[in-house]
Amino acid sequence: MEWKMKKLMTDFWKNEEGITAIEYAMLGVAMAVGLTAIMGSSADGAEKGFLGSLKSAFTSIAGKISGAGS
């Protein structure tokens, strides 16, 4: 009986089916968290990071263009 349990545990440990799917899932989660941190907005709706800087730059450019026509 003991050798069956040892064989069962050894077979389970060596089984690599499904490992690739788990690795891809972990990679996907890491990428989603990274992109959210870089491009996302905060919980209060204030834009920050890359998107906040981009919006601020376009607002500044739009203000300068409309001010130049006056």
PDB file of N, CA and C in Angstrom:
ATOM      1  N   MET A   1       0.824  -1.195   0.000  1.00  0.00           N
ATOM      2  CA  MET A   1       0.000   0.000   0.000  1.00  0.00           C
ATOM      3  C   MET A   1       0.866   1.256   0.000  1.00  0.00           C
ATOM      4  N   GLU A   2       1.965   1.228   0.745  1.00  0.00           N
ATOM      5  CA  GLU A   2       2.835   2.398   0.846  1.00  0.00           C
ATOM      6  C   GLU A   2       3.468   2.728  -0.495  1.00  0.00           C
ATOM      7  N   TRP A   3       3.861   1.711  -1.252  1.00  0.00           N
ATOM      8  CA  TRP A   3       4.490   1.965  -2.548  1.00  0.00           C
ATOM      9  C   TRP A   3       3.505   2.564  -3.528  1.00  0.00           C
ATOM     10  N   LYS A   4       2.195   2.213  -3.402  1.00  0.00           N
ATOM     11  CA  LYS A   4       1.178   2.810  -4.275  1.00  0.00           C
ATOM     12  C   LYS A   4       1.055   4.308  -4.002  1.00  0.00           C
ATOM     13  N   MET A   5       1.072   4.662  -2.744  1.00  0.00           N
ATOM     14  CA  MET A   5       0.959   6.072  -2.376  1.00  0.00           C
ATOM     15  C   MET A   5       2.186   6.839  -2.848  1.00  0.00           C
ATOM     16  N   LYS A   6       3.361   6.220  -2.693  1.00  0.00           N
ATOM     17  CA  LYS A   6       4.585   6.875  -3.137  1.00  0.00           C
ATOM     18  C   LYS A   6       4.572   7.060  -4.652  1.00  0.00           C
ATOM     19  N   LYS A   7       4.122   6.030  -5.390  1.00  0.00           N
ATOM     20  CA  LYS A   7       4.028   6.132  -6.846  1.00  0.00           C
ATOM     21  C   LYS A   7       3.006   7.191  -7.240  1.00  0.00           C
ATOM     22  N   LEU A   8       1.894   7.226  -6.563  1.00  0.00           N
ATOM     23  CA  LEU A   8       0.865   8.227  -6.845  1.00  0.00           C
ATOM     24  C   LEU A   8       1.397   9.641  -6.647  1.00  0.00           C
ATOM     25  N   MET A   9       2.117   9.880  -5.558  1.00  0.00           N
ATOM     26  CA  MET A   9       2.681  11.201  -5.276  1.00  0.00           C
ATOM     27  C   MET A   9       3.770  11.555  -6.286  1.00  0.00           C
ATOM     28  N   THR A  10       4.583  10.578  -6.665  1.00  0.00           N
ATOM     29  CA  THR A  10       5.641  10.813  -7.658  1.00  0.00           C
ATOM     30  C   THR A  10       5.036  11.158  -9.014  1.00  0.00           C
ATOM     31  N   ASP A  11       4.025  10.408  -9.416  1.00  0.00           N
ATOM     32  CA  ASP A  11       3.358  10.686 -10.688  1.00  0.00           C
ATOM     33  C   ASP A  11       2.701  12.072 -10.675  1.00  0.00           C
ATOM     34  N   PHE A  12       2.081  12.409  -9.567  1.00  0.00           N
ATOM     35  CA  PHE A  12       1.453  13.728  -9.446  1.00  0.00           C
ATOM     36  C   PHE A  12       2.494  14.834  -9.555  1.00  0.00           C
ATOM     37  N   TRP A  13       3.627  14.663  -8.911  1.00  0.00           N
ATOM     38  CA  TRP A  13       4.682  15.684  -8.901  1.00  0.00           C
ATOM     39  C   TRP A  13       5.283  15.873 -10.295  1.00  0.00           C
ATOM     40  N   LYS A  14       5.417  14.785 -11.043  1.00  0.00           N
ATOM     41  CA  LYS A  14       6.019  14.846 -12.371  1.00  0.00           C
ATOM     42  C   LYS A  14       5.035  15.277 -13.463  1.00  0.00           C
ATOM     43  N   ASN A  15       3.748  15.256 -13.179  1.00  0.00           N
ATOM     44  CA  ASN A  15       2.729  15.611 -14.163  1.00  0.00           C
ATOM     45  C   ASN A  15       2.805  17.112 -14.456  1.00  0.00           C
ATOM     46  N   GLU A  16       2.992  17.472 -15.717  1.00  0.00           N
ATOM     47  CA  GLU A  16       3.125  18.874 -16.095  1.00  0.00           C
ATOM     48  C   GLU A  16       1.971  19.360 -16.959  1.00  0.00           C
ATOM     49  N   GLU A  17       0.917  18.584 -17.106  1.00  0.00           N
ATOM     50  CA  GLU A  17      -0.238  19.021 -17.882  1.00  0.00           C
ATOM     51  C   GLU A  17      -0.915  20.186 -17.174  1.00  0.00           C
ATOM     52  N   GLY A  18      -1.245  21.200 -17.914  1.00  0.00           N
ATOM     53  CA  GLY A  18      -1.926  22.363 -17.345  1.00  0.00           C
ATOM     54  C   GLY A  18      -0.988  23.433 -16.823  1.00  0.00           C
ATOM     55  N   ILE A  19       0.282  23.133 -16.721  1.00  0.00           N
ATOM     56  CA  ILE A  19       1.252  24.099 -16.210  1.00  0.00           C
ATOM     57  C   ILE A  19       1.335  25.311 -17.122  1.00  0.00           C
ATOM     58  N   THR A  20       1.328  25.091 -18.432  1.00  0.00           N
ATOM     59  CA  THR A  20       1.443  26.190 -19.384  1.00  0.00           C
ATOM     60  C   THR A  20       0.265  27.145 -19.240  1.00  0.00           C
ATOM     61  N   ALA A  21      -0.929  26.617 -19.067  1.00  0.00           N
ATOM     62  CA  ALA A  21      -2.113  27.466 -18.905  1.00  0.00           C
ATOM     63  C   ALA A  21      -1.993  28.323 -17.656  1.00  0.00           C
ATOM     64  N   ILE A  22      -1.486  27.759 -16.585  1.00  0.00           N
ATOM     65  CA  ILE A  22      -1.310  28.517 -15.349  1.00  0.00           C
ATOM     66  C   ILE A  22      -0.272  29.610 -15.545  1.00  0.00           C
ATOM     67  N   GLU A  23       0.809  29.296 -16.244  1.00  0.00           N
ATOM     68  CA  GLU A  23       1.851  30.298 -16.500  1.00  0.00           C
ATOM     69  C   GLU A  23       1.302  31.443 -17.345  1.00  0.00           C
ATOM     70  N   TYR A  24       0.522  31.121 -18.382  1.00  0.00           N
ATOM     71  CA  TYR A  24      -0.070  32.173 -19.203  1.00  0.00           C
ATOM     72  C   TYR A  24      -1.052  33.020 -18.394  1.00  0.00           C
ATOM     73  N   ALA A  25      -1.807  32.408 -17.529  1.00  0.00           N
ATOM     74  CA  ALA A  25      -2.740  33.157 -16.696  1.00  0.00           C
ATOM     75  C   ALA A  25      -1.998  34.105 -15.770  1.00  0.00           C
ATOM     76  N   MET A  26      -0.914  33.638 -15.169  1.00  0.00           N
ATOM     77  CA  MET A  26      -0.127  34.503 -14.281  1.00  0.00           C
ATOM     78  C   MET A  26       0.497  35.653 -15.064  1.00  0.00           C
ATOM     79  N   LEU A  27       0.980  35.383 -16.271  1.00  0.00           N
ATOM     80  CA  LEU A  27       1.548  36.427 -17.118  1.00  0.00           C
ATOM     81  C   LEU A  27       0.483  37.450 -17.499  1.00  0.00           C
ATOM     82  N   GLY A  28      -0.704  36.988 -17.831  1.00  0.00           N
ATOM     83  CA  GLY A  28      -1.806  37.886 -18.177  1.00  0.00           C
ATOM     84  C   GLY A  28      -2.200  38.786 -17.022  1.00  0.00           C
ATOM     85  N   VAL A  29      -2.264  38.230 -15.835  1.00  0.00           N
ATOM     86  CA  VAL A  29      -2.600  39.027 -14.652  1.00  0.00           C
ATOM     87  C   VAL A  29      -1.523  40.070 -14.385  1.00  0.00           C
ATOM     88  N   ALA A  30      -0.256  39.679 -14.506  1.00  0.00           N
ATOM     89  CA  ALA A  30       0.840  40.623 -14.285  1.00  0.00           C
ATOM     90  C   ALA A  30       0.790  41.764 -15.300  1.00  0.00           C
ATOM     91  N   MET A  31       0.499  41.437 -16.561  1.00  0.00           N
ATOM     92  CA  MET A  31       0.405  42.481 -17.581  1.00  0.00           C
ATOM     93  C   MET A  31      -0.784  43.406 -17.323  1.00  0.00           C
ATOM     94  N   ALA A  32      -1.911  42.853 -16.918  1.00  0.00           N
ATOM     95  CA  ALA A  32      -3.086  43.676 -16.635  1.00  0.00           C
ATOM     96  C   ALA A  32      -2.824  44.630 -15.473  1.00  0.00           C
ATOM     97  N   VAL A  33      -2.176  44.140 -14.439  1.00  0.00           N
ATOM     98  CA  VAL A  33      -1.852  44.990 -13.289  1.00  0.00           C
ATOM     99  C   VAL A  33      -0.871  46.085 -13.700  1.00  0.00           C
ATOM    100  N   GLY A  34       0.128  45.727 -14.490  1.00  0.00           N
ATOM    101  CA  GLY A  34       1.101  46.718 -14.945  1.00  0.00           C
ATOM    102  C   GLY A  34       0.477  47.788 -15.817  1.00  0.00           C
ATOM    103  N   LEU A  35      -0.355  47.377 -16.771  1.00  0.00           N
ATOM    104  CA  LEU A  35      -1.010  48.356 -17.638  1.00  0.00           C
ATOM    105  C   LEU A  35      -1.976  49.241 -16.864  1.00  0.00           C
ATOM    106  N   THR A  36      -2.665  48.679 -15.900  1.00  0.00           N
ATOM    107  CA  THR A  36      -3.569  49.479 -15.084  1.00  0.00           C
ATOM    108  C   THR A  36      -2.795  50.502 -14.271  1.00  0.00           C
ATOM    109  N   ALA A  37      -1.663  50.110 -13.743  1.00  0.00           N
ATOM    110  CA  ALA A  37      -0.845  51.038 -12.954  1.00  0.00           C
ATOM    111  C   ALA A  37      -0.278  52.157 -13.826  1.00  0.00           C
ATOM    112  N   ILE A  38       0.090  51.832 -15.057  1.00  0.00           N
ATOM    113  CA  ILE A  38       0.676  52.835 -15.939  1.00  0.00           C
ATOM    114  C   ILE A  38      -0.383  53.735 -16.559  1.00  0.00           C
ATOM    115  N   MET A  39      -1.451  53.147 -17.059  1.00  0.00           N
ATOM    116  CA  MET A  39      -2.407  53.893 -17.856  1.00  0.00           C
ATOM    117  C   MET A  39      -3.728  54.169 -17.145  1.00  0.00           C
ATOM    118  N   GLY A  40      -3.976  53.547 -16.036  1.00  0.00           N
ATOM    119  CA  GLY A  40      -5.281  53.614 -15.393  1.00  0.00           C
ATOM    120  C   GLY A  40      -5.563  54.918 -14.688  1.00  0.00           C
ATOM    121  N   SER A  41      -6.727  54.956 -14.100  1.00  0.00           N
ATOM    122  CA  SER A  41      -7.115  56.113 -13.307  1.00  0.00           C
ATOM    123  C   SER A  41      -7.297  55.654 -11.865  1.00  0.00           C
ATOM    124  N   SER A  42      -7.294  56.596 -10.956  1.00  0.00           N
ATOM    125  CA  SER A  42      -7.405  56.245  -9.542  1.00  0.00           C
ATOM    126  C   SER A  42      -8.853  55.951  -9.183  1.00  0.00           C
ATOM    127  N   ALA A  43      -9.074  55.489  -7.981  1.00  0.00           N
ATOM    128  CA  ALA A  43     -10.407  55.102  -7.537  1.00  0.00           C
ATOM    129  C   ALA A  43     -11.359  56.292  -7.491  1.00  0.00           C
ATOM    130  N   ASP A  44     -10.858  57.492  -7.261  1.00  0.00           N
ATOM    131  CA  ASP A  44     -11.735  58.666  -7.189  1.00  0.00           C
ATOM    132  C   ASP A  44     -12.020  59.268  -8.562  1.00  0.00           C
ATOM    133  N   GLY A  45     -11.546  58.619  -9.633  1.00  0.00           N
ATOM    134  CA  GLY A  45     -11.828  59.069 -10.989  1.00  0.00           C
ATOM    135  C   GLY A  45     -10.801  60.032 -11.541  1.00  0.00           C
ATOM    136  N   ALA A  46      -9.875  60.485 -10.723  1.00  0.00           N
ATOM    137  CA  ALA A  46      -8.841  61.400 -11.200  1.00  0.00           C
ATOM    138  C   ALA A  46      -7.856  60.625 -12.061  1.00  0.00           C
ATOM    139  N   GLU A  47      -7.580  61.163 -13.236  1.00  0.00           N
ATOM    140  CA  GLU A  47      -6.653  60.479 -14.122  1.00  0.00           C
ATOM    141  C   GLU A  47      -5.231  60.737 -13.678  1.00  0.00           C
ATOM    142  N   LYS A  48      -4.434  59.715 -13.749  1.00  0.00           N
ATOM    143  CA  LYS A  48      -3.033  59.819 -13.348  1.00  0.00           C
ATOM    144  C   LYS A  48      -2.196  58.999 -14.295  1.00  0.00           C
ATOM    145  N   GLY A  49      -0.925  58.983 -14.098  1.00  0.00           N
ATOM    146  CA  GLY A  49      -0.046  58.172 -14.933  1.00  0.00           C
ATOM    147  C   GLY A  49       0.019  58.700 -16.351  1.00  0.00           C
ATOM    148  N   PHE A  50       0.202  57.801 -17.294  1.00  0.00           N
ATOM    149  CA  PHE A  50       0.382  58.166 -18.693  1.00  0.00           C
ATOM    150  C   PHE A  50      -0.844  58.868 -19.254  1.00  0.00           C
ATOM    151  N   LEU A  51      -2.034  58.324 -19.002  1.00  0.00           N
ATOM    152  CA  LEU A  51      -3.240  58.934 -19.556  1.00  0.00           C
ATOM    153  C   LEU A  51      -3.505  60.316 -18.972  1.00  0.00           C
ATOM    154  N   GLY A  52      -3.228  60.487 -17.701  1.00  0.00           N
ATOM    155  CA  GLY A  52      -3.393  61.805 -17.088  1.00  0.00           C
ATOM    156  C   GLY A  52      -2.441  62.826 -17.681  1.00  0.00           C
ATOM    157  N   SER A  53      -1.200  62.431 -17.889  1.00  0.00           N
ATOM    158  CA  SER A  53      -0.212  63.319 -18.506  1.00  0.00           C
ATOM    159  C   SER A  53      -0.578  63.648 -19.940  1.00  0.00           C
ATOM    160  N   LEU A  54      -1.058  62.671 -20.674  1.00  0.00           N
ATOM    161  CA  LEU A  54      -1.459  62.878 -22.063  1.00  0.00           C
ATOM    162  C   LEU A  54      -2.641  63.843 -22.149  1.00  0.00           C
ATOM    163  N   LYS A  55      -3.636  63.646 -21.295  1.00  0.00           N
ATOM    164  CA  LYS A  55      -4.795  64.542 -21.288  1.00  0.00           C
ATOM    165  C   LYS A  55      -4.376  65.957 -20.906  1.00  0.00           C
ATOM    166  N   SER A  56      -3.504  66.090 -19.939  1.00  0.00           N
ATOM    167  CA  SER A  56      -3.015  67.403 -19.525  1.00  0.00           C
ATOM    168  C   SER A  56      -2.267  68.092 -20.658  1.00  0.00           C
ATOM    169  N   ALA A  57      -1.449  67.345 -21.395  1.00  0.00           N
ATOM    170  CA  ALA A  57      -0.705  67.924 -22.514  1.00  0.00           C
ATOM    171  C   ALA A  57      -1.647  68.392 -23.612  1.00  0.00           C
ATOM    172  N   PHE A  58      -2.656  67.603 -23.948  1.00  0.00           N
ATOM    173  CA  PHE A  58      -3.599  68.008 -24.984  1.00  0.00           C
ATOM    174  C   PHE A  58      -4.442  69.201 -24.546  1.00  0.00           C
ATOM    175  N   THR A  59      -4.803  69.256 -23.291  1.00  0.00           N
ATOM    176  CA  THR A  59      -5.548  70.409 -22.780  1.00  0.00           C
ATOM    177  C   THR A  59      -4.701  71.675 -22.874  1.00  0.00           C
ATOM    178  N   SER A  60      -3.440  71.569 -22.530  1.00  0.00           N
ATOM    179  CA  SER A  60      -2.523  72.703 -22.620  1.00  0.00           C
ATOM    180  C   SER A  60      -2.349  73.159 -24.068  1.00  0.00           C
ATOM    181  N   ILE A  61      -2.176  72.217 -24.976  1.00  0.00           N
ATOM    182  CA  ILE A  61      -2.016  72.557 -26.397  1.00  0.00           C
ATOM    183  C   ILE A  61      -3.290  73.194 -26.938  1.00  0.00           C
ATOM    184  N   ALA A  62      -4.441  72.640 -26.584  1.00  0.00           N
ATOM    185  CA  ALA A  62      -5.710  73.202 -27.045  1.00  0.00           C
ATOM    186  C   ALA A  62      -5.899  74.628 -26.526  1.00  0.00           C
ATOM    187  N   GLY A  63      -5.514  74.867 -25.288  1.00  0.00           N
ATOM    188  CA  GLY A  63      -5.618  76.225 -24.721  1.00  0.00           C
ATOM    189  C   GLY A  63      -4.713  77.201 -25.439  1.00  0.00           C
ATOM    190  N   LYS A  64      -3.519  76.777 -25.771  1.00  0.00           N
ATOM    191  CA  LYS A  64      -2.586  77.658 -26.474  1.00  0.00           C
ATOM    192  C   LYS A  64      -3.053  77.937 -27.907  1.00  0.00           C
ATOM    193  N   ILE A  65      -3.633  76.940 -28.558  1.00  0.00           N
ATOM    194  CA  ILE A  65      -4.131  77.132 -29.925  1.00  0.00           C
ATOM    195  C   ILE A  65      -5.327  78.090 -29.931  1.00  0.00           C
ATOM    196  N   SER A  66      -6.253  77.891 -28.990  1.00  0.00           N
ATOM    197  CA  SER A  66      -7.411  78.780 -28.963  1.00  0.00           C
ATOM    198  C   SER A  66      -7.021  80.185 -28.510  1.00  0.00           C
ATOM    199  N   GLY A  67      -5.987  80.321 -27.687  1.00  0.00           N
ATOM    200  CA  GLY A  67      -5.509  81.629 -27.266  1.00  0.00           C
ATOM    201  C   GLY A  67      -4.776  82.347 -28.379  1.00  0.00           C
ATOM    202  N   ALA A  68      -4.188  81.600 -29.293  1.00  0.00           N
ATOM    203  CA  ALA A  68      -3.428  82.210 -30.391  1.00  0.00           C
ATOM    204  C   ALA A  68      -4.354  82.861 -31.410  1.00  0.00           C
ATOM    205  N   GLY A  69      -5.574  82.376 -31.507  1.00  0.00           N
ATOM    206  CA  GLY A  69      -6.527  82.948 -32.467  1.00  0.00           C
ATOM    207  C   GLY A  69      -7.151  84.247 -31.999  1.00  0.00           C
ATOM    208  N   SER A  70      -6.964  84.599 -30.740  1.00  0.00           N
ATOM    209  CA  SER A  70      -7.603  85.808 -30.206  1.00  0.00           C
ATOM    210  C   SER A  70      -6.793  87.049 -30.482  1.00  0.00           C
TER     211      SER A  70
END
